[in-house]
Amino acid sequence: MKELAGRLTALDPDAGAAVRVIAYFDRLAESRAGVEALVRGAAVLAGCPARLVDPERRVHVRVEADGTRRDEKAPPDPAWPFARLSPDSAAVLWLERGAGDAGPPARNGVDAGYARAVPENADAQHTQVAPSVVDAVILERAAGAVRLVLDRTRGRAPADDPALVETLLDATAPEQARLHAARRLGLDLAAHARALAPLHGRPLVIPADAGPVPRAGYASAEGTGRPGTGLTSPAAVRTAPGPRGGAEELPPAARPATPVPTAPRPRTGSTAFPGGPDRHAANLHPAPPALRLPAGRLGVGPAVPVLELPRSWAGARTALRFTAEDTPQDPGPSVVHADELGGIALLADLVAPGSEPPDDVRALETAAATAPWLPATLHAVASTSSLRAAAAEINVHHSTLQERLAHAEHLLGWPVRTPQGRLRLQLALTMRRLARP
């Protein structure tokens, strides 16, 4: 698709941009993006605010061109380009582009040619803005993706549809819709639950008393240290697609002809449910004490009342950014609990995914490129109580560790064996994880 878009751009920039838009929304749909993430994608790609109005489902989402959610009560202007979610639906997706802001002019004589029905509340005296080719594609693809999400999550899904969990985790869903989803999943509304965010998988919701969620260590650089997580069995709790509207999914503001950012793509596959054929039984009853979770990186949200699960989901996604791959080149905990981060969680707001890494992170990456043992060694120093404990952690002699640290300090440009240098090292290792795309 990328090669095709490049070839089309050489012939017609509008056609190349349209192909990129199609590929972008296809990836969002595959990753089970939520309503707000889809509207945000439309706004950023179009370079103007986008608004979704669905009076039947009481859904009103408005996102500025810079990706900021900012709802307004003023009715849409009938002159704006728009697309209905379906021919007989009152739900409409708008691009707030007026007659004086019709976007880039059509190139090479290309005409939008986009047939649309006029909204019922349209004033005949208003002149409809003809959308550009790119605007027309954005509206069509975004409206189709939003329709699928709303049909799946706003009280129209069957009782065994895992998308009910997505409704629970969606802060934009009405409270009544989330209560309805919780009841159909059999969750105790008087009890607490928590959300879990796997890196490659669907969101999980478990009762707070389902048993302790395992913490994770890391494997040593030499491969002979203590094992890592060992979480290799299938999930024993119900999974469901969830909203993917986090900061890591926001495309940068750019003209439509620029390359469209890549949306995350989860792994697919079935989930095993021990104990019987009931497809959602694990959400109805507490899990056994030895809670089995998907292998890999996992963020654990705080235990909250059922109606506050969107907050737990936000915390779980933040915690996921602090996790590591648990490998010699990316050592660290593969399971992180949001309620144990404390003030360190504020770093997630300062270091955006895929942003230019801070100087100390760049120094770490440069040093790691010349010394493959360095990441695991520095993580051991930063996460243990003494240098002897760090040496035992990575299974090397104390004197060998001292030699390594002397070399590491030369490569980094700051000491790591002083209290201040150790704190600086801990922050650098943390920001290294947060800066990942």
Protein backbone atom coordinates (compact mmCIF):
# COMPACT_ATOMS: atom_id res chain seq x y z
CA MET A 1 0.00 0.00 0.00
CA LYS A 2 2.85 2.40 0.83
CA GLU A 3 4.53 1.73 -2.52
CA LEU A 4 1.23 2.18 -4.35
CA ALA A 5 0.58 5.49 -2.59
CA GLY A 6 4.04 6.71 -3.56
CA ARG A 7 3.51 5.80 -7.22
CA LEU A 8 0.08 7.43 -7.29
CA THR A 9 1.42 10.59 -5.65
CA ALA A 10 3.87 10.99 -8.50
CA LEU A 11 0.92 10.95 -10.93
CA ASP A 12 -1.67 12.76 -8.82
CA PRO A 13 -1.03 14.03 -5.27
CA ASP A 14 -4.74 13.82 -4.42
CA ALA A 15 -4.91 10.16 -5.41
CA GLY A 16 -1.81 9.32 -3.37
CA ALA A 17 -3.18 11.13 -0.31
CA ALA A 18 -6.52 9.33 -0.68
CA VAL A 19 -4.81 5.94 -0.69
CA ARG A 20 -2.91 6.86 2.48
CA VAL A 21 -6.16 7.93 4.15
CA ILE A 22 -7.81 4.61 3.24
CA ALA A 23 -4.87 2.64 4.61
CA TYR A 24 -4.84 4.70 7.82
CA PHE A 25 -8.51 4.14 8.66
CA ASP A 26 -8.22 0.46 7.72
CA ARG A 27 -5.44 0.10 10.31
CA LEU A 28 -7.49 1.93 12.94
CA ALA A 29 -10.45 -0.37 12.26
CA GLU A 30 -8.22 -3.44 12.55
CA SER A 31 -6.85 -2.23 15.88
CA ARG A 32 -10.38 -1.68 17.26
CA ALA A 33 -9.94 2.07 17.64
CA GLY A 34 -12.63 3.87 19.62
CA VAL A 35 -15.00 6.59 18.45
CA GLU A 36 -12.89 9.48 19.70
CA ALA A 37 -9.74 8.10 18.07
CA LEU A 38 -11.53 7.85 14.72
CA VAL A 39 -12.92 11.38 14.92
CA ARG A 40 -9.48 12.59 15.96
CA GLY A 41 -7.92 10.92 12.92
CA ALA A 42 -10.45 12.64 10.64
CA ALA A 43 -9.75 16.05 12.21
CA VAL A 44 -5.98 15.79 12.05
CA LEU A 45 -5.89 14.42 8.52
CA ALA A 46 -8.36 17.04 7.23
CA GLY A 47 -6.60 19.87 9.05
CA CYS A 48 -9.87 21.19 10.52
CA PRO A 49 -12.16 20.28 13.44
CA ALA A 50 -14.29 17.17 13.01
CA ARG A 51 -17.58 16.55 14.79
CA LEU A 52 -19.69 13.43 15.26
CA VAL A 53 -23.34 13.96 16.18
CA ASP A 54 -25.53 10.92 16.87
CA PRO A 55 -28.73 12.07 18.63
CA GLU A 56 -30.18 8.56 18.88
CA ARG A 57 -27.23 7.23 20.85
CA ARG A 58 -26.54 10.59 22.54
CA VAL A 59 -22.98 10.63 21.22
CA HIS A 60 -21.39 14.04 20.62
CA VAL A 61 -17.65 14.11 19.94
CA ARG A 62 -15.74 17.10 18.58
CA VAL A 63 -11.97 17.16 18.05
CA GLU A 64 -9.82 20.11 16.98
CA ALA A 65 -7.34 19.93 14.12
CA ASP A 66 -4.48 19.54 16.63
CA GLY A 67 -6.09 16.42 18.12
CA THR A 68 -7.56 18.11 21.22
CA ARG A 69 -11.04 17.02 22.32
CA ARG A 70 -13.20 20.15 22.65
CA ASP A 71 -16.97 19.63 22.50
CA GLU A 72 -19.37 22.45 21.62
CA LYS A 73 -23.11 22.82 22.10
CA ALA A 74 -23.60 25.01 19.02
CA PRO A 75 -25.32 23.09 16.20
CA PRO A 76 -23.30 22.17 13.11
CA ASP A 77 -23.35 24.50 10.11
CA PRO A 78 -25.33 22.77 7.30
CA ALA A 79 -22.80 24.19 4.82
CA TRP A 80 -19.98 22.03 6.21
CA PRO A 81 -19.00 18.87 4.34
CA PHE A 82 -20.52 15.85 6.03
CA ALA A 83 -21.34 12.18 5.69
CA ARG A 84 -24.13 10.18 7.27
CA LEU A 85 -23.07 7.00 9.06
CA SER A 86 -25.75 5.16 7.08
CA PRO A 87 -28.38 6.33 4.54
CA ASP A 88 -31.27 6.18 7.03
CA SER A 89 -29.34 7.33 10.09
CA ALA A 90 -29.54 10.64 11.94
CA ALA A 91 -25.87 10.24 12.92
CA VAL A 92 -23.62 12.55 10.92
CA LEU A 93 -19.85 13.10 10.78
CA TRP A 94 -18.94 16.70 9.92
CA LEU A 95 -15.77 18.46 8.84
CA GLU A 96 -15.97 22.03 10.09
CA ARG A 97 -14.70 23.55 6.88
CA GLY A 98 -16.53 26.69 5.74
CA ALA A 99 -16.81 28.22 2.29
CA GLY A 100 -13.73 30.34 2.95
CA ASP A 101 -11.76 27.37 4.24
CA ALA A 102 -12.37 24.69 1.66
CA GLY A 103 -8.91 23.21 2.02
CA PRO A 104 -6.27 22.89 -0.69
CA PRO A 105 -7.59 23.43 -4.22
CA ALA A 106 -8.07 20.43 -6.47
CA ARG A 107 -4.94 19.61 -8.41
CA ASN A 108 -4.70 18.47 -12.02
CA GLY A 109 -8.35 19.30 -12.53
CA VAL A 110 -9.52 16.64 -10.08
CA ASP A 111 -13.07 17.21 -8.85
CA ALA A 112 -14.37 15.80 -5.56
CA GLY A 113 -17.42 14.23 -7.20
CA TYR A 114 -18.79 13.18 -3.81
CA ALA A 115 -22.58 12.71 -3.69
CA ARG A 116 -24.10 13.35 -0.30
CA ALA A 117 -27.58 13.69 1.11
CA VAL A 118 -28.44 17.03 2.71
CA PRO A 119 -29.15 16.79 6.46
CA GLU A 120 -32.75 17.13 7.51
CA ASN A 121 -31.99 20.35 9.41
CA ALA A 122 -30.16 21.94 6.46
CA ASP A 123 -31.25 25.43 5.40
CA ALA A 124 -31.85 25.65 1.67
CA GLN A 125 -30.27 29.11 1.68
CA HIS A 126 -26.93 27.69 2.83
CA THR A 127 -24.47 26.85 0.11
CA GLN A 128 -23.03 23.37 0.58
CA VAL A 129 -19.24 23.24 0.51
CA ALA A 130 -18.05 20.71 -2.08
CA PRO A 131 -15.39 18.62 -0.37
CA SER A 132 -12.02 17.96 -1.93
CA VAL A 133 -11.08 14.45 -2.98
CA VAL A 134 -9.16 13.94 0.26
CA ASP A 135 -11.99 15.33 2.42
CA ALA A 136 -14.48 13.04 0.68
CA VAL A 137 -12.33 9.97 1.35
CA ILE A 138 -11.76 11.01 4.98
CA LEU A 139 -15.50 11.40 5.55
CA GLU A 140 -16.42 8.14 3.87
CA ARG A 141 -13.80 5.97 5.59
CA ALA A 142 -14.15 7.59 9.02
CA ALA A 143 -17.97 7.44 8.93
CA GLY A 144 -17.90 3.76 8.02
CA ALA A 145 -15.46 2.93 10.81
CA VAL A 146 -17.43 4.97 13.37
CA ARG A 147 -20.68 3.22 12.37
CA LEU A 148 -19.15 -0.19 13.06
CA VAL A 149 -17.87 0.92 16.48
CA LEU A 150 -21.19 2.44 17.52
CA ASP A 151 -23.20 -0.57 16.35
CA ARG A 152 -20.81 -2.80 18.27
CA THR A 153 -20.68 -0.87 21.53
CA ARG A 154 -23.82 1.18 22.16
CA GLY A 155 -26.16 -1.42 23.59
CA ARG A 156 -26.79 -3.30 20.33
CA ALA A 157 -24.31 -6.12 20.79
CA PRO A 158 -25.44 -9.59 21.87
CA ALA A 159 -24.82 -10.59 25.47
CA ASP A 160 -21.79 -12.72 24.63
CA ASP A 161 -20.12 -10.05 22.46
CA PRO A 162 -16.73 -9.18 24.00
CA ALA A 163 -17.19 -5.61 22.77
CA LEU A 164 -19.27 -5.03 25.91
CA VAL A 165 -15.95 -4.65 27.70
CA GLU A 166 -15.02 -1.91 25.27
CA THR A 167 -18.12 0.00 26.32
CA LEU A 168 -17.11 -0.31 29.97
CA LEU A 169 -13.71 1.19 29.17
CA ASP A 170 -14.97 3.97 26.91
CA ALA A 171 -15.16 7.26 28.80
CA THR A 172 -17.29 8.75 25.99
CA ALA A 173 -20.00 6.11 26.37
CA PRO A 174 -23.08 7.25 28.32
CA GLU A 175 -23.30 6.01 31.89
CA GLN A 176 -26.45 4.05 31.13
CA ALA A 177 -24.67 2.23 28.29
CA ARG A 178 -21.80 1.29 30.59
CA LEU A 179 -24.20 0.13 33.29
CA HIS A 180 -26.02 -1.96 30.71
CA ALA A 181 -22.74 -3.53 29.57
CA ALA A 182 -21.65 -4.25 33.13
CA ARG A 183 -24.94 -5.97 33.95
CA ARG A 184 -24.86 -8.10 30.81
CA LEU A 185 -21.32 -9.16 31.68
CA GLY A 186 -22.49 -10.12 35.17
CA LEU A 187 -20.14 -7.73 36.99
CA ASP A 188 -21.02 -6.80 40.55
CA LEU A 189 -21.83 -3.08 40.43
CA ALA A 190 -21.14 -2.78 44.13
CA ALA A 191 -17.65 -4.29 43.84
CA HIS A 192 -14.40 -3.03 42.36
CA ALA A 193 -12.69 -4.11 39.15
CA ARG A 194 -9.52 -3.25 37.27
CA ALA A 195 -8.53 -2.93 33.63
CA LEU A 196 -5.45 -4.56 32.12
CA ALA A 197 -3.68 -3.38 28.97
CA PRO A 198 -1.66 -6.04 27.13
CA LEU A 199 0.70 -4.79 24.44
CA HIS A 200 -0.42 -7.29 21.82
CA GLY A 201 -3.96 -8.18 22.68
CA ARG A 202 -7.38 -7.02 23.66
CA PRO A 203 -8.13 -5.17 26.91
CA LEU A 204 -9.03 -7.24 29.96
CA VAL A 205 -11.40 -6.51 32.82
CA ILE A 206 -11.08 -8.55 36.00
CA PRO A 207 -12.68 -8.26 39.44
CA ALA A 208 -10.39 -6.62 41.97
CA ASP A 209 -10.56 -9.76 44.14
CA ALA A 210 -9.62 -12.08 41.27
CA GLY A 211 -6.19 -12.68 42.81
CA PRO A 212 -2.89 -10.83 42.67
CA VAL A 213 -1.60 -9.84 39.24
CA PRO A 214 1.97 -11.17 39.02
CA ARG A 215 4.90 -8.81 39.04
CA ALA A 216 7.69 -9.46 36.57
CA GLY A 217 11.45 -9.51 36.68
CA TYR A 218 13.86 -9.68 33.78
CA ALA A 219 16.22 -12.19 32.25
CA SER A 220 19.93 -11.60 32.71
CA ALA A 221 22.22 -10.57 29.88
CA GLU A 222 24.16 -13.81 30.14
CA GLY A 223 20.97 -15.87 30.10
CA THR A 224 21.78 -17.66 33.34
CA GLY A 225 20.11 -15.40 35.85
CA ARG A 226 16.69 -15.82 37.34
CA PRO A 227 13.87 -16.27 34.85
CA GLY A 228 11.60 -13.52 33.70
CA THR A 229 7.83 -13.47 33.89
CA GLY A 230 7.01 -16.97 32.70
CA LEU A 231 3.58 -15.68 31.67
CA THR A 232 3.18 -17.85 28.61
CA SER A 233 -0.25 -19.40 29.10
CA PRO A 234 -3.39 -18.04 27.40
CA ALA A 235 -5.52 -15.54 29.24
CA ALA A 236 -7.94 -16.98 31.75
CA VAL A 237 -10.06 -13.85 31.78
CA ARG A 238 -12.42 -12.49 29.19
CA THR A 239 -10.90 -10.23 26.59
CA ALA A 240 -12.57 -7.68 24.42
CA PRO A 241 -11.62 -5.03 21.88
CA GLY A 242 -11.08 -1.66 23.43
CA PRO A 243 -10.66 1.98 22.46
CA ARG A 244 -7.24 2.87 21.13
CA GLY A 245 -7.37 6.62 21.55
CA GLY A 246 -4.26 7.13 23.61
CA ALA A 247 -1.58 9.58 22.89
CA GLU A 248 0.46 7.00 21.08
CA GLU A 249 -2.14 6.84 18.35
CA LEU A 250 -2.45 10.52 17.59
CA PRO A 251 -1.22 11.30 14.10
CA PRO A 252 0.85 14.49 13.87
CA ALA A 253 -0.82 17.50 12.33
CA ALA A 254 0.01 17.44 8.65
CA ARG A 255 -1.44 18.21 5.27
CA PRO A 256 -3.36 15.31 3.76
CA ALA A 257 -0.67 14.73 1.16
CA THR A 258 1.90 13.86 3.82
CA PRO A 259 2.46 10.23 4.87
CA VAL A 260 -0.20 9.02 7.25
CA PRO A 261 1.09 7.66 10.60
CA THR A 262 0.80 3.99 11.35
CA ALA A 263 -1.88 2.80 13.75
CA PRO A 264 -1.03 -0.02 16.13
CA ARG A 265 -2.03 -3.48 14.94
CA PRO A 266 -2.83 -6.09 17.59
CA ARG A 267 -2.28 -9.78 17.27
CA THR A 268 -5.34 -11.82 16.43
CA GLY A 269 -6.41 -15.22 17.58
CA SER A 270 -8.76 -16.98 19.90
CA THR A 271 -8.54 -16.99 23.66
CA ALA A 272 -8.76 -20.16 25.69
CA PHE A 273 -11.21 -20.32 28.57
CA PRO A 274 -10.61 -23.16 30.98
CA GLY A 275 -13.46 -24.60 32.93
CA GLY A 276 -16.24 -24.76 30.38
CA PRO A 277 -17.66 -23.44 27.13
CA ASP A 278 -19.18 -20.26 28.53
CA ARG A 279 -17.55 -17.57 26.40
CA HIS A 280 -17.72 -14.85 29.05
CA ALA A 281 -17.77 -16.86 32.25
CA ALA A 282 -14.38 -15.56 33.34
CA ASN A 283 -15.84 -12.07 33.62
CA LEU A 284 -18.67 -13.36 35.79
CA HIS A 285 -16.70 -15.15 38.50
CA PRO A 286 -13.43 -14.48 40.29
CA ALA A 287 -10.40 -16.05 38.65
CA PRO A 288 -8.36 -18.62 40.55
CA PRO A 289 -5.61 -17.32 42.87
CA ALA A 290 -2.90 -18.07 40.30
CA LEU A 291 -4.22 -15.62 37.73
CA ARG A 292 -2.91 -16.49 34.28
CA LEU A 293 -2.28 -13.60 31.92
CA PRO A 294 -1.07 -13.13 28.35
CA ALA A 295 2.68 -13.27 27.85
CA GLY A 296 4.52 -10.04 27.18
CA ARG A 297 4.21 -6.48 28.35
CA LEU A 298 1.17 -5.66 30.47
CA GLY A 299 -0.13 -2.51 32.16
CA VAL A 300 -2.35 -2.97 35.22
CA GLY A 301 -4.89 -0.30 36.12
CA PRO A 302 -6.01 0.54 39.66
CA ALA A 303 -9.00 -1.15 41.28
CA VAL A 304 -12.01 1.15 40.89
CA PRO A 305 -15.82 0.98 40.98
CA VAL A 306 -17.24 -0.52 37.81
CA LEU A 307 -18.46 2.81 36.44
CA GLU A 308 -14.95 4.25 36.83
CA LEU A 309 -13.30 1.58 34.71
CA PRO A 310 -12.39 4.15 32.01
CA ARG A 311 -10.06 5.70 34.61
CA SER A 312 -8.54 2.32 35.36
CA TRP A 313 -8.11 1.73 31.61
CA ALA A 314 -6.31 5.07 31.24
CA GLY A 315 -4.01 4.12 34.12
CA ALA A 316 -3.36 0.70 32.60
CA ARG A 317 -2.35 2.25 29.28
CA THR A 318 -0.02 4.65 31.07
CA ALA A 319 1.51 1.77 33.04
CA LEU A 320 2.00 -0.16 29.79
CA ARG A 321 4.33 2.57 28.55
CA PHE A 322 6.60 1.97 31.56
CA THR A 323 6.99 -1.73 30.78
CA ALA A 324 9.97 -3.34 29.06
CA GLU A 325 10.39 -6.28 26.72
CA ASP A 326 12.26 -8.20 29.43
CA THR A 327 15.24 -8.87 27.14
CA PRO A 328 18.98 -8.09 27.46
CA GLN A 329 18.57 -5.11 25.12
CA ASP A 330 15.36 -3.90 26.78
CA PRO A 331 15.55 -5.07 30.40
CA GLY A 332 12.99 -4.14 32.99
CA PRO A 333 9.59 -5.19 34.33
CA SER A 334 7.19 -6.51 31.75
CA VAL A 335 4.26 -5.98 34.15
CA VAL A 336 3.74 -2.54 35.70
CA HIS A 337 0.96 -1.51 38.09
CA ALA A 338 -0.37 2.03 37.67
CA ASP A 339 -1.04 2.50 41.37
CA GLU A 340 2.63 1.80 42.16
CA LEU A 341 4.04 4.45 39.84
CA GLY A 342 3.24 7.40 42.09
CA GLY A 343 4.73 10.67 40.89
CA ILE A 344 6.81 8.87 38.27
CA ALA A 345 3.63 8.62 36.18
CA LEU A 346 3.97 12.37 35.49
CA LEU A 347 6.89 11.56 33.19
CA ALA A 348 4.42 10.01 30.75
CA ASP A 349 2.98 13.48 30.11
CA LEU A 350 6.43 14.96 29.50
CA VAL A 351 7.85 12.34 27.12
CA ALA A 352 5.56 11.66 24.17
CA PRO A 353 5.81 8.35 22.29
CA GLY A 354 7.99 8.67 19.24
CA SER A 355 9.19 12.14 20.22
CA GLU A 356 12.78 13.29 20.11
CA PRO A 357 14.39 11.52 23.09
CA PRO A 358 16.13 13.56 25.80
CA ASP A 359 19.92 13.89 25.74
CA ASP A 360 20.45 11.23 28.43
CA VAL A 361 18.35 8.74 26.44
CA ARG A 362 20.36 9.42 23.31
CA ALA A 363 23.53 8.85 25.34
CA LEU A 364 22.13 5.50 26.52
CA GLU A 365 21.29 4.41 22.97
CA THR A 366 24.73 5.39 21.68
CA ALA A 367 26.47 3.56 24.51
CA ALA A 368 24.30 0.45 24.08
CA ALA A 369 25.25 0.30 20.40
CA THR A 370 28.92 -0.08 21.31
CA ALA A 371 28.46 -2.31 24.37
CA PRO A 372 25.64 -4.90 24.11
CA TRP A 373 25.95 -5.79 27.80
CA LEU A 374 25.27 -2.21 28.89
CA PRO A 375 21.41 -2.08 29.09
CA ALA A 376 21.06 -5.11 31.38
CA THR A 377 24.02 -3.99 33.50
CA LEU A 378 22.70 -0.47 34.01
CA HIS A 379 19.21 -1.74 34.74
CA ALA A 380 20.59 -4.05 37.41
CA VAL A 381 22.47 -1.15 39.02
CA ALA A 382 19.40 1.10 38.89
CA SER A 383 16.95 -1.48 40.27
CA THR A 384 18.90 -3.18 43.06
CA SER A 385 19.97 -2.00 46.50
CA SER A 386 23.75 -2.43 46.08
CA LEU A 387 26.43 -3.13 43.51
CA ARG A 388 26.93 -6.64 44.88
CA ALA A 389 23.22 -7.31 44.45
CA ALA A 390 23.46 -5.93 40.91
CA ALA A 391 26.38 -8.26 40.13
CA ALA A 392 24.40 -11.23 41.42
CA GLU A 393 21.39 -10.11 39.39
CA ILE A 394 23.26 -10.39 36.10
CA ASN A 395 25.49 -13.26 37.28
CA VAL A 396 28.89 -11.54 37.00
CA HIS A 397 31.71 -11.05 39.51
CA HIS A 398 31.74 -7.85 41.55
CA SER A 399 35.04 -6.76 40.04
CA THR A 400 33.69 -7.36 36.53
CA LEU A 401 30.74 -5.14 37.32
CA GLN A 402 33.07 -2.39 38.54
CA GLU A 403 35.00 -2.56 35.26
CA ARG A 404 31.78 -2.42 33.28
CA LEU A 405 30.52 0.59 35.20
CA ALA A 406 33.77 2.48 34.70
CA HIS A 407 33.44 1.90 30.97
CA ALA A 408 29.73 2.83 31.05
CA GLU A 409 30.44 6.09 32.85
CA HIS A 410 32.99 6.96 30.18
CA LEU A 411 30.44 6.30 27.43
CA LEU A 412 27.53 8.09 29.15
CA GLY A 413 29.44 11.10 30.41
CA TRP A 414 28.13 10.98 33.99
CA PRO A 415 28.76 8.82 37.07
CA VAL A 416 26.28 6.05 37.87
CA ARG A 417 27.69 4.96 41.24
CA THR A 418 26.80 8.11 43.16
CA PRO A 419 23.28 8.73 44.55
CA GLN A 420 22.69 11.63 42.16
CA GLY A 421 24.11 9.72 39.18
CA ARG A 422 22.01 6.66 40.02
CA LEU A 423 18.86 8.78 40.08
CA ARG A 424 19.82 10.27 36.74
CA LEU A 425 20.33 6.76 35.39
CA GLN A 426 16.92 5.61 36.65
CA LEU A 427 15.22 8.55 34.95
CA ALA A 428 17.11 7.95 31.71
CA LEU A 429 16.12 4.27 31.63
CA THR A 430 12.49 5.18 32.31
CA MET A 431 12.40 7.88 29.65
CA ARG A 432 13.94 5.44 27.19
CA ARG A 433 10.82 3.26 27.50
CA LEU A 434 8.45 6.21 27.34
CA ALA A 435 10.02 7.62 24.17
CA ARG A 436 9.37 4.44 22.18
CA PRO A 437 6.97 4.95 19.24
